[in-house]
Amino acid sequence: MPYSYDDQNIFARILRGEIPNQTVLDTAHTLAFRDIRPQTPDHILVIPKGPYVCFDHFAAEASADEIVDFHRTAAQVCAMLAITPGEGGRGYRTVSNAGEDAVQEVPHYHMHILAGRPLGPMLSRQG
């Protein structure tokens, strides 16, 4: 795949310990931390520790261990926050932006876990 990873992006710097974060969960292949500009009461970013630009890059090139760890970490975060609907929580939304049209701000794959208030429709409707 023709992805070029910028190792000076903010998430790469967080992973190297150059920028502090509010860690929620740290595993072998994944870091979950609180967003510095939260859009909901619970707004967690889940990022792989490997150099992946976006979802399709991660899905195509990450190892099976990295992929499993990423998703299990996200599930653990949902359980820790008590937002999992199957366990009586009120639910959550996951969002991952990729590229210019999706307004991806940081060129490191990340998933937002958003919860703690009603979120409304996923996308606004345009005519």
N, C-alpha and C. Protein backbone atom coordinates (compact mmCIF):
# COMPACT_ATOMS: atom_id res chain seq x y z
N MET A 1 0.84 -1.18 0.00
CA MET A 1 0.00 0.00 0.00
C MET A 1 0.88 1.24 0.00
N PRO A 2 0.43 2.28 -0.66
CA PRO A 2 1.28 3.48 -0.79
C PRO A 2 1.11 4.48 0.37
N TYR A 3 1.23 4.01 1.59
CA TYR A 3 1.12 4.92 2.72
C TYR A 3 2.51 5.28 3.23
N SER A 4 2.68 6.56 3.54
CA SER A 4 3.91 7.04 4.12
C SER A 4 3.59 7.55 5.51
N TYR A 5 4.21 6.97 6.51
CA TYR A 5 3.92 7.32 7.90
C TYR A 5 4.81 8.46 8.36
N ASP A 6 4.20 9.49 8.94
CA ASP A 6 4.92 10.64 9.49
C ASP A 6 5.21 10.37 10.97
N ASP A 7 6.44 10.06 11.31
CA ASP A 7 6.75 9.71 12.69
C ASP A 7 6.86 10.92 13.63
N GLN A 8 6.51 12.10 13.12
CA GLN A 8 6.47 13.30 13.96
C GLN A 8 5.04 13.71 14.32
N ASN A 9 4.06 12.90 13.92
CA ASN A 9 2.68 13.24 14.27
C ASN A 9 2.50 13.15 15.78
N ILE A 10 1.46 13.81 16.28
CA ILE A 10 1.27 13.92 17.73
C ILE A 10 1.12 12.56 18.42
N PHE A 11 0.48 11.58 17.76
CA PHE A 11 0.31 10.28 18.40
C PHE A 11 1.63 9.51 18.46
N ALA A 12 2.46 9.65 17.44
CA ALA A 12 3.78 9.03 17.48
C ALA A 12 4.60 9.63 18.63
N ARG A 13 4.46 10.93 18.81
CA ARG A 13 5.17 11.60 19.90
C ARG A 13 4.64 11.17 21.26
N ILE A 14 3.33 10.96 21.37
CA ILE A 14 2.75 10.44 22.62
C ILE A 14 3.30 9.05 22.89
N LEU A 15 3.34 8.20 21.87
CA LEU A 15 3.85 6.83 22.05
C LEU A 15 5.31 6.81 22.48
N ARG A 16 6.09 7.79 22.04
CA ARG A 16 7.51 7.86 22.43
C ARG A 16 7.68 8.52 23.80
N GLY A 17 6.60 9.00 24.41
CA GLY A 17 6.68 9.63 25.73
C GLY A 17 7.08 11.08 25.68
N GLU A 18 7.08 11.70 24.51
CA GLU A 18 7.46 13.11 24.36
C GLU A 18 6.33 14.05 24.78
N ILE A 19 5.09 13.57 24.70
CA ILE A 19 3.92 14.36 25.06
C ILE A 19 3.11 13.54 26.06
N PRO A 20 2.74 14.13 27.18
CA PRO A 20 1.96 13.37 28.18
C PRO A 20 0.54 13.11 27.69
N ASN A 21 -0.09 12.13 28.30
CA ASN A 21 -1.48 11.81 28.00
C ASN A 21 -2.14 11.27 29.25
N GLN A 22 -3.46 11.19 29.21
CA GLN A 22 -4.21 10.58 30.31
C GLN A 22 -4.54 9.16 29.89
N THR A 23 -3.61 8.26 30.18
CA THR A 23 -3.75 6.86 29.78
C THR A 23 -4.94 6.21 30.48
N VAL A 24 -5.73 5.50 29.69
CA VAL A 24 -6.83 4.69 30.21
C VAL A 24 -6.39 3.23 30.25
N LEU A 25 -5.68 2.78 29.21
CA LEU A 25 -5.21 1.39 29.14
C LEU A 25 -4.02 1.33 28.19
N ASP A 26 -2.99 0.61 28.59
CA ASP A 26 -1.76 0.47 27.81
C ASP A 26 -1.45 -1.02 27.72
N THR A 27 -1.40 -1.55 26.51
CA THR A 27 -1.13 -2.97 26.30
C THR A 27 0.10 -3.14 25.41
N ALA A 28 0.40 -4.35 25.05
CA ALA A 28 1.58 -4.63 24.23
C ALA A 28 1.56 -3.90 22.89
N HIS A 29 0.39 -3.78 22.26
CA HIS A 29 0.31 -3.21 20.92
C HIS A 29 -0.59 -1.99 20.81
N THR A 30 -1.21 -1.56 21.91
CA THR A 30 -2.25 -0.54 21.83
C THR A 30 -2.17 0.41 23.03
N LEU A 31 -2.52 1.68 22.77
CA LEU A 31 -2.63 2.67 23.84
C LEU A 31 -4.02 3.31 23.73
N ALA A 32 -4.72 3.40 24.85
CA ALA A 32 -6.00 4.09 24.92
C ALA A 32 -5.84 5.24 25.92
N PHE A 33 -6.29 6.43 25.51
CA PHE A 33 -6.14 7.59 26.37
C PHE A 33 -7.27 8.58 26.11
N ARG A 34 -7.47 9.49 27.06
CA ARG A 34 -8.54 10.48 26.97
C ARG A 34 -8.17 11.56 25.94
N ASP A 35 -9.17 11.94 25.14
CA ASP A 35 -8.98 13.00 24.15
C ASP A 35 -8.79 14.33 24.87
N ILE A 36 -7.87 15.17 24.40
CA ILE A 36 -7.61 16.45 25.06
C ILE A 36 -8.71 17.47 24.76
N ARG A 37 -9.50 17.23 23.71
CA ARG A 37 -10.65 18.09 23.38
C ARG A 37 -11.89 17.20 23.28
N PRO A 38 -12.37 16.70 24.42
CA PRO A 38 -13.46 15.74 24.38
C PRO A 38 -14.74 16.32 23.81
N GLN A 39 -15.41 15.52 22.99
CA GLN A 39 -16.69 15.90 22.40
C GLN A 39 -17.87 15.33 23.19
N THR A 40 -17.57 14.39 24.09
CA THR A 40 -18.57 13.76 24.95
C THR A 40 -17.94 13.57 26.33
N PRO A 41 -18.75 13.30 27.36
CA PRO A 41 -18.16 13.08 28.69
C PRO A 41 -17.09 11.98 28.70
N ASP A 42 -17.33 10.92 27.96
CA ASP A 42 -16.31 9.87 27.79
C ASP A 42 -15.87 9.90 26.34
N HIS A 43 -14.66 10.36 26.10
CA HIS A 43 -14.10 10.43 24.73
C HIS A 43 -12.68 9.88 24.81
N ILE A 44 -12.55 8.64 24.38
CA ILE A 44 -11.29 7.92 24.47
C ILE A 44 -10.75 7.68 23.06
N LEU A 45 -9.46 7.84 22.88
CA LEU A 45 -8.78 7.49 21.63
C LEU A 45 -8.06 6.17 21.84
N VAL A 46 -8.22 5.27 20.89
CA VAL A 46 -7.53 3.99 20.91
C VAL A 46 -6.61 3.97 19.70
N ILE A 47 -5.31 3.79 19.93
CA ILE A 47 -4.35 3.83 18.83
C ILE A 47 -3.44 2.60 18.87
N PRO A 48 -3.09 2.07 17.70
CA PRO A 48 -2.09 1.01 17.68
C PRO A 48 -0.71 1.62 17.91
N LYS A 49 0.19 0.86 18.46
CA LYS A 49 1.55 1.35 18.68
C LYS A 49 2.39 1.29 17.40
N GLY A 50 1.92 0.57 16.41
CA GLY A 50 2.63 0.48 15.13
C GLY A 50 2.35 1.68 14.25
N PRO A 51 3.18 1.87 13.20
CA PRO A 51 3.08 3.04 12.33
C PRO A 51 2.05 2.89 11.20
N TYR A 52 0.80 3.02 11.54
CA TYR A 52 -0.29 2.87 10.56
C TYR A 52 -1.02 4.19 10.40
N VAL A 53 -1.32 4.56 9.17
CA VAL A 53 -1.92 5.85 8.87
C VAL A 53 -3.43 5.87 9.09
N CYS A 54 -4.11 4.81 8.68
CA CYS A 54 -5.57 4.79 8.76
C CYS A 54 -6.06 3.34 8.83
N PHE A 55 -7.38 3.16 8.91
CA PHE A 55 -7.96 1.85 9.10
C PHE A 55 -7.52 0.84 8.05
N ASP A 56 -7.66 1.17 6.77
CA ASP A 56 -7.32 0.17 5.75
C ASP A 56 -5.84 -0.18 5.76
N HIS A 57 -4.99 0.78 6.10
CA HIS A 57 -3.55 0.51 6.23
C HIS A 57 -3.31 -0.48 7.38
N PHE A 58 -3.94 -0.22 8.52
CA PHE A 58 -3.83 -1.11 9.68
C PHE A 58 -4.38 -2.49 9.36
N ALA A 59 -5.57 -2.56 8.79
CA ALA A 59 -6.22 -3.85 8.50
C ALA A 59 -5.41 -4.67 7.50
N ALA A 60 -4.75 -4.02 6.57
CA ALA A 60 -4.00 -4.73 5.54
C ALA A 60 -2.60 -5.15 5.99
N GLU A 61 -1.98 -4.35 6.86
CA GLU A 61 -0.55 -4.59 7.15
C GLU A 61 -0.21 -4.95 8.59
N ALA A 62 -1.10 -4.74 9.52
CA ALA A 62 -0.80 -5.08 10.92
C ALA A 62 -0.79 -6.59 11.09
N SER A 63 -0.06 -7.05 12.08
CA SER A 63 -0.04 -8.47 12.39
C SER A 63 -1.36 -8.87 13.05
N ALA A 64 -1.63 -10.14 13.03
CA ALA A 64 -2.85 -10.65 13.69
C ALA A 64 -2.83 -10.28 15.18
N ASP A 65 -1.68 -10.37 15.82
CA ASP A 65 -1.58 -10.01 17.24
C ASP A 65 -1.94 -8.54 17.47
N GLU A 66 -1.47 -7.65 16.58
CA GLU A 66 -1.78 -6.23 16.72
C GLU A 66 -3.28 -5.97 16.54
N ILE A 67 -3.87 -6.61 15.55
CA ILE A 67 -5.29 -6.41 15.27
C ILE A 67 -6.15 -6.91 16.43
N VAL A 68 -5.85 -8.10 16.92
CA VAL A 68 -6.62 -8.65 18.04
C VAL A 68 -6.44 -7.77 19.28
N ASP A 69 -5.21 -7.38 19.58
CA ASP A 69 -4.95 -6.55 20.76
C ASP A 69 -5.69 -5.22 20.67
N PHE A 70 -5.70 -4.60 19.51
CA PHE A 70 -6.39 -3.33 19.32
C PHE A 70 -7.88 -3.45 19.66
N HIS A 71 -8.52 -4.45 19.07
CA HIS A 71 -9.95 -4.61 19.29
C HIS A 71 -10.29 -5.07 20.71
N ARG A 72 -9.48 -5.92 21.29
CA ARG A 72 -9.72 -6.35 22.67
C ARG A 72 -9.50 -5.17 23.63
N THR A 73 -8.53 -4.33 23.34
CA THR A 73 -8.31 -3.15 24.17
C THR A 73 -9.52 -2.22 24.11
N ALA A 74 -10.05 -2.00 22.91
CA ALA A 74 -11.25 -1.17 22.78
C ALA A 74 -12.40 -1.75 23.59
N ALA A 75 -12.57 -3.07 23.53
CA ALA A 75 -13.63 -3.72 24.31
C ALA A 75 -13.40 -3.53 25.81
N GLN A 76 -12.16 -3.65 26.26
CA GLN A 76 -11.85 -3.46 27.68
C GLN A 76 -12.15 -2.03 28.11
N VAL A 77 -11.85 -1.07 27.25
CA VAL A 77 -12.14 0.33 27.58
C VAL A 77 -13.64 0.52 27.75
N CYS A 78 -14.43 -0.04 26.83
CA CYS A 78 -15.90 0.07 26.95
C CYS A 78 -16.38 -0.55 28.25
N ALA A 79 -15.82 -1.68 28.63
CA ALA A 79 -16.20 -2.33 29.89
C ALA A 79 -15.78 -1.48 31.08
N MET A 80 -14.57 -0.93 31.05
CA MET A 80 -14.07 -0.11 32.14
C MET A 80 -14.95 1.13 32.36
N LEU A 81 -15.46 1.69 31.26
CA LEU A 81 -16.29 2.89 31.34
C LEU A 81 -17.75 2.56 31.65
N ALA A 82 -18.09 1.26 31.67
CA ALA A 82 -19.46 0.80 31.92
C ALA A 82 -20.45 1.36 30.91
N ILE A 83 -20.03 1.38 29.64
CA ILE A 83 -20.89 1.91 28.57
C ILE A 83 -21.40 0.82 27.64
N THR A 84 -20.99 -0.41 27.86
CA THR A 84 -21.37 -1.52 26.99
C THR A 84 -22.86 -1.83 27.15
N PRO A 85 -23.66 -1.72 26.08
CA PRO A 85 -25.11 -1.95 26.20
C PRO A 85 -25.45 -3.34 26.72
N GLY A 86 -24.67 -4.34 26.37
CA GLY A 86 -24.94 -5.70 26.83
C GLY A 86 -24.77 -5.89 28.32
N GLU A 87 -24.10 -4.95 28.96
CA GLU A 87 -23.88 -5.02 30.40
C GLU A 87 -24.67 -3.94 31.13
N GLY A 88 -25.67 -3.37 30.46
CA GLY A 88 -26.51 -2.37 31.10
C GLY A 88 -26.09 -0.94 30.86
N GLY A 89 -25.00 -0.73 30.11
CA GLY A 89 -24.58 0.63 29.79
C GLY A 89 -25.49 1.24 28.75
N ARG A 90 -25.38 2.54 28.56
CA ARG A 90 -26.26 3.25 27.63
C ARG A 90 -25.74 3.25 26.20
N GLY A 91 -24.54 2.75 25.97
CA GLY A 91 -24.03 2.65 24.61
C GLY A 91 -22.93 3.65 24.30
N TYR A 92 -22.42 3.55 23.10
CA TYR A 92 -21.28 4.35 22.67
C TYR A 92 -21.26 4.37 21.15
N ARG A 93 -20.42 5.21 20.61
CA ARG A 93 -20.18 5.25 19.17
C ARG A 93 -18.67 5.16 18.96
N THR A 94 -18.27 4.43 17.93
CA THR A 94 -16.87 4.43 17.52
C THR A 94 -16.78 5.13 16.18
N VAL A 95 -15.72 5.93 16.02
CA VAL A 95 -15.49 6.67 14.79
C VAL A 95 -14.01 6.58 14.45
N SER A 96 -13.75 6.36 13.17
CA SER A 96 -12.37 6.41 12.68
C SER A 96 -12.38 7.17 11.36
N ASN A 97 -11.69 8.28 11.30
CA ASN A 97 -11.63 9.08 10.08
C ASN A 97 -10.41 8.69 9.27
N ALA A 98 -10.56 8.68 7.94
CA ALA A 98 -9.45 8.31 7.06
C ALA A 98 -9.40 9.27 5.87
N GLY A 99 -8.37 10.06 5.83
CA GLY A 99 -8.16 10.93 4.68
C GLY A 99 -8.87 12.26 4.74
N GLU A 100 -8.67 13.00 3.67
CA GLU A 100 -9.13 14.38 3.56
C GLU A 100 -10.65 14.52 3.65
N ASP A 101 -11.41 13.70 2.92
CA ASP A 101 -12.87 13.82 2.94
C ASP A 101 -13.45 13.52 4.30
N ALA A 102 -12.79 12.71 5.09
CA ALA A 102 -13.26 12.38 6.43
C ALA A 102 -12.69 13.31 7.50
N VAL A 103 -11.88 14.25 7.09
CA VAL A 103 -11.26 15.24 7.97
C VAL A 103 -10.38 14.55 9.03
N GLN A 104 -9.53 13.63 8.57
CA GLN A 104 -8.58 13.00 9.49
C GLN A 104 -7.53 14.04 9.87
N GLU A 105 -7.44 14.34 11.16
CA GLU A 105 -6.53 15.39 11.63
C GLU A 105 -5.14 14.87 11.96
N VAL A 106 -5.04 13.65 12.44
CA VAL A 106 -3.74 13.08 12.80
C VAL A 106 -3.49 11.86 11.92
N PRO A 107 -2.38 11.85 11.18
CA PRO A 107 -2.12 10.74 10.26
C PRO A 107 -1.56 9.49 10.95
N HIS A 108 -2.25 9.07 11.99
CA HIS A 108 -1.94 7.82 12.70
C HIS A 108 -3.30 7.19 12.97
N TYR A 109 -3.49 5.92 12.59
CA TYR A 109 -4.79 5.28 12.77
C TYR A 109 -5.23 5.40 14.22
N HIS A 110 -6.47 5.80 14.41
CA HIS A 110 -7.04 5.88 15.74
C HIS A 110 -8.55 5.75 15.67
N MET A 111 -9.09 5.22 16.73
CA MET A 111 -10.53 5.07 16.86
C MET A 111 -10.99 5.88 18.06
N HIS A 112 -12.03 6.68 17.85
CA HIS A 112 -12.65 7.43 18.93
C HIS A 112 -13.74 6.55 19.54
N ILE A 113 -13.78 6.46 20.84
CA ILE A 113 -14.92 5.87 21.56
C ILE A 113 -15.61 7.04 22.24
N LEU A 114 -16.86 7.28 21.84
CA LEU A 114 -17.62 8.42 22.32
C LEU A 114 -18.83 7.93 23.10
N ALA A 115 -19.02 8.45 24.30
CA ALA A 115 -20.13 8.00 25.14
C ALA A 115 -20.41 9.03 26.22
N GLY A 116 -21.51 8.80 26.94
CA GLY A 116 -21.82 9.64 28.09
C GLY A 116 -22.95 10.62 27.87
N ARG A 117 -23.48 10.66 26.66
CA ARG A 117 -24.64 11.50 26.36
C ARG A 117 -25.26 11.01 25.06
N PRO A 118 -26.52 11.34 24.79
CA PRO A 118 -27.11 10.98 23.50
C PRO A 118 -26.34 11.66 22.37
N LEU A 119 -26.06 10.91 21.31
CA LEU A 119 -25.20 11.42 20.24
C LEU A 119 -25.93 11.86 18.98
N GLY A 120 -27.22 11.58 18.87
CA GLY A 120 -27.95 12.00 17.69
C GLY A 120 -27.59 11.16 16.47
N PRO A 121 -28.03 11.62 15.29
CA PRO A 121 -27.75 10.84 14.07
C PRO A 121 -26.26 10.79 13.78
N MET A 122 -25.85 9.73 13.11
CA MET A 122 -24.43 9.56 12.82
C MET A 122 -23.90 10.64 11.89
N LEU A 123 -24.63 10.95 10.83
CA LEU A 123 -24.22 11.99 9.89
C LEU A 123 -25.39 12.91 9.64
N SER A 124 -25.10 14.18 9.44
CA SER A 124 -26.20 15.07 9.08
C SER A 124 -26.59 14.80 7.64
N ARG A 125 -27.84 14.94 7.36
CA ARG A 125 -28.34 14.66 6.01
C ARG A 125 -28.19 15.92 5.16
N GLN A 126 -27.66 15.73 3.98
CA GLN A 126 -27.53 16.85 3.04
C GLN A 126 -28.31 16.53 1.79
N GLY A 127 -29.00 17.52 1.24
CA GLY A 127 -29.87 17.35 0.09
C GLY A 127 -29.23 17.05 -1.19
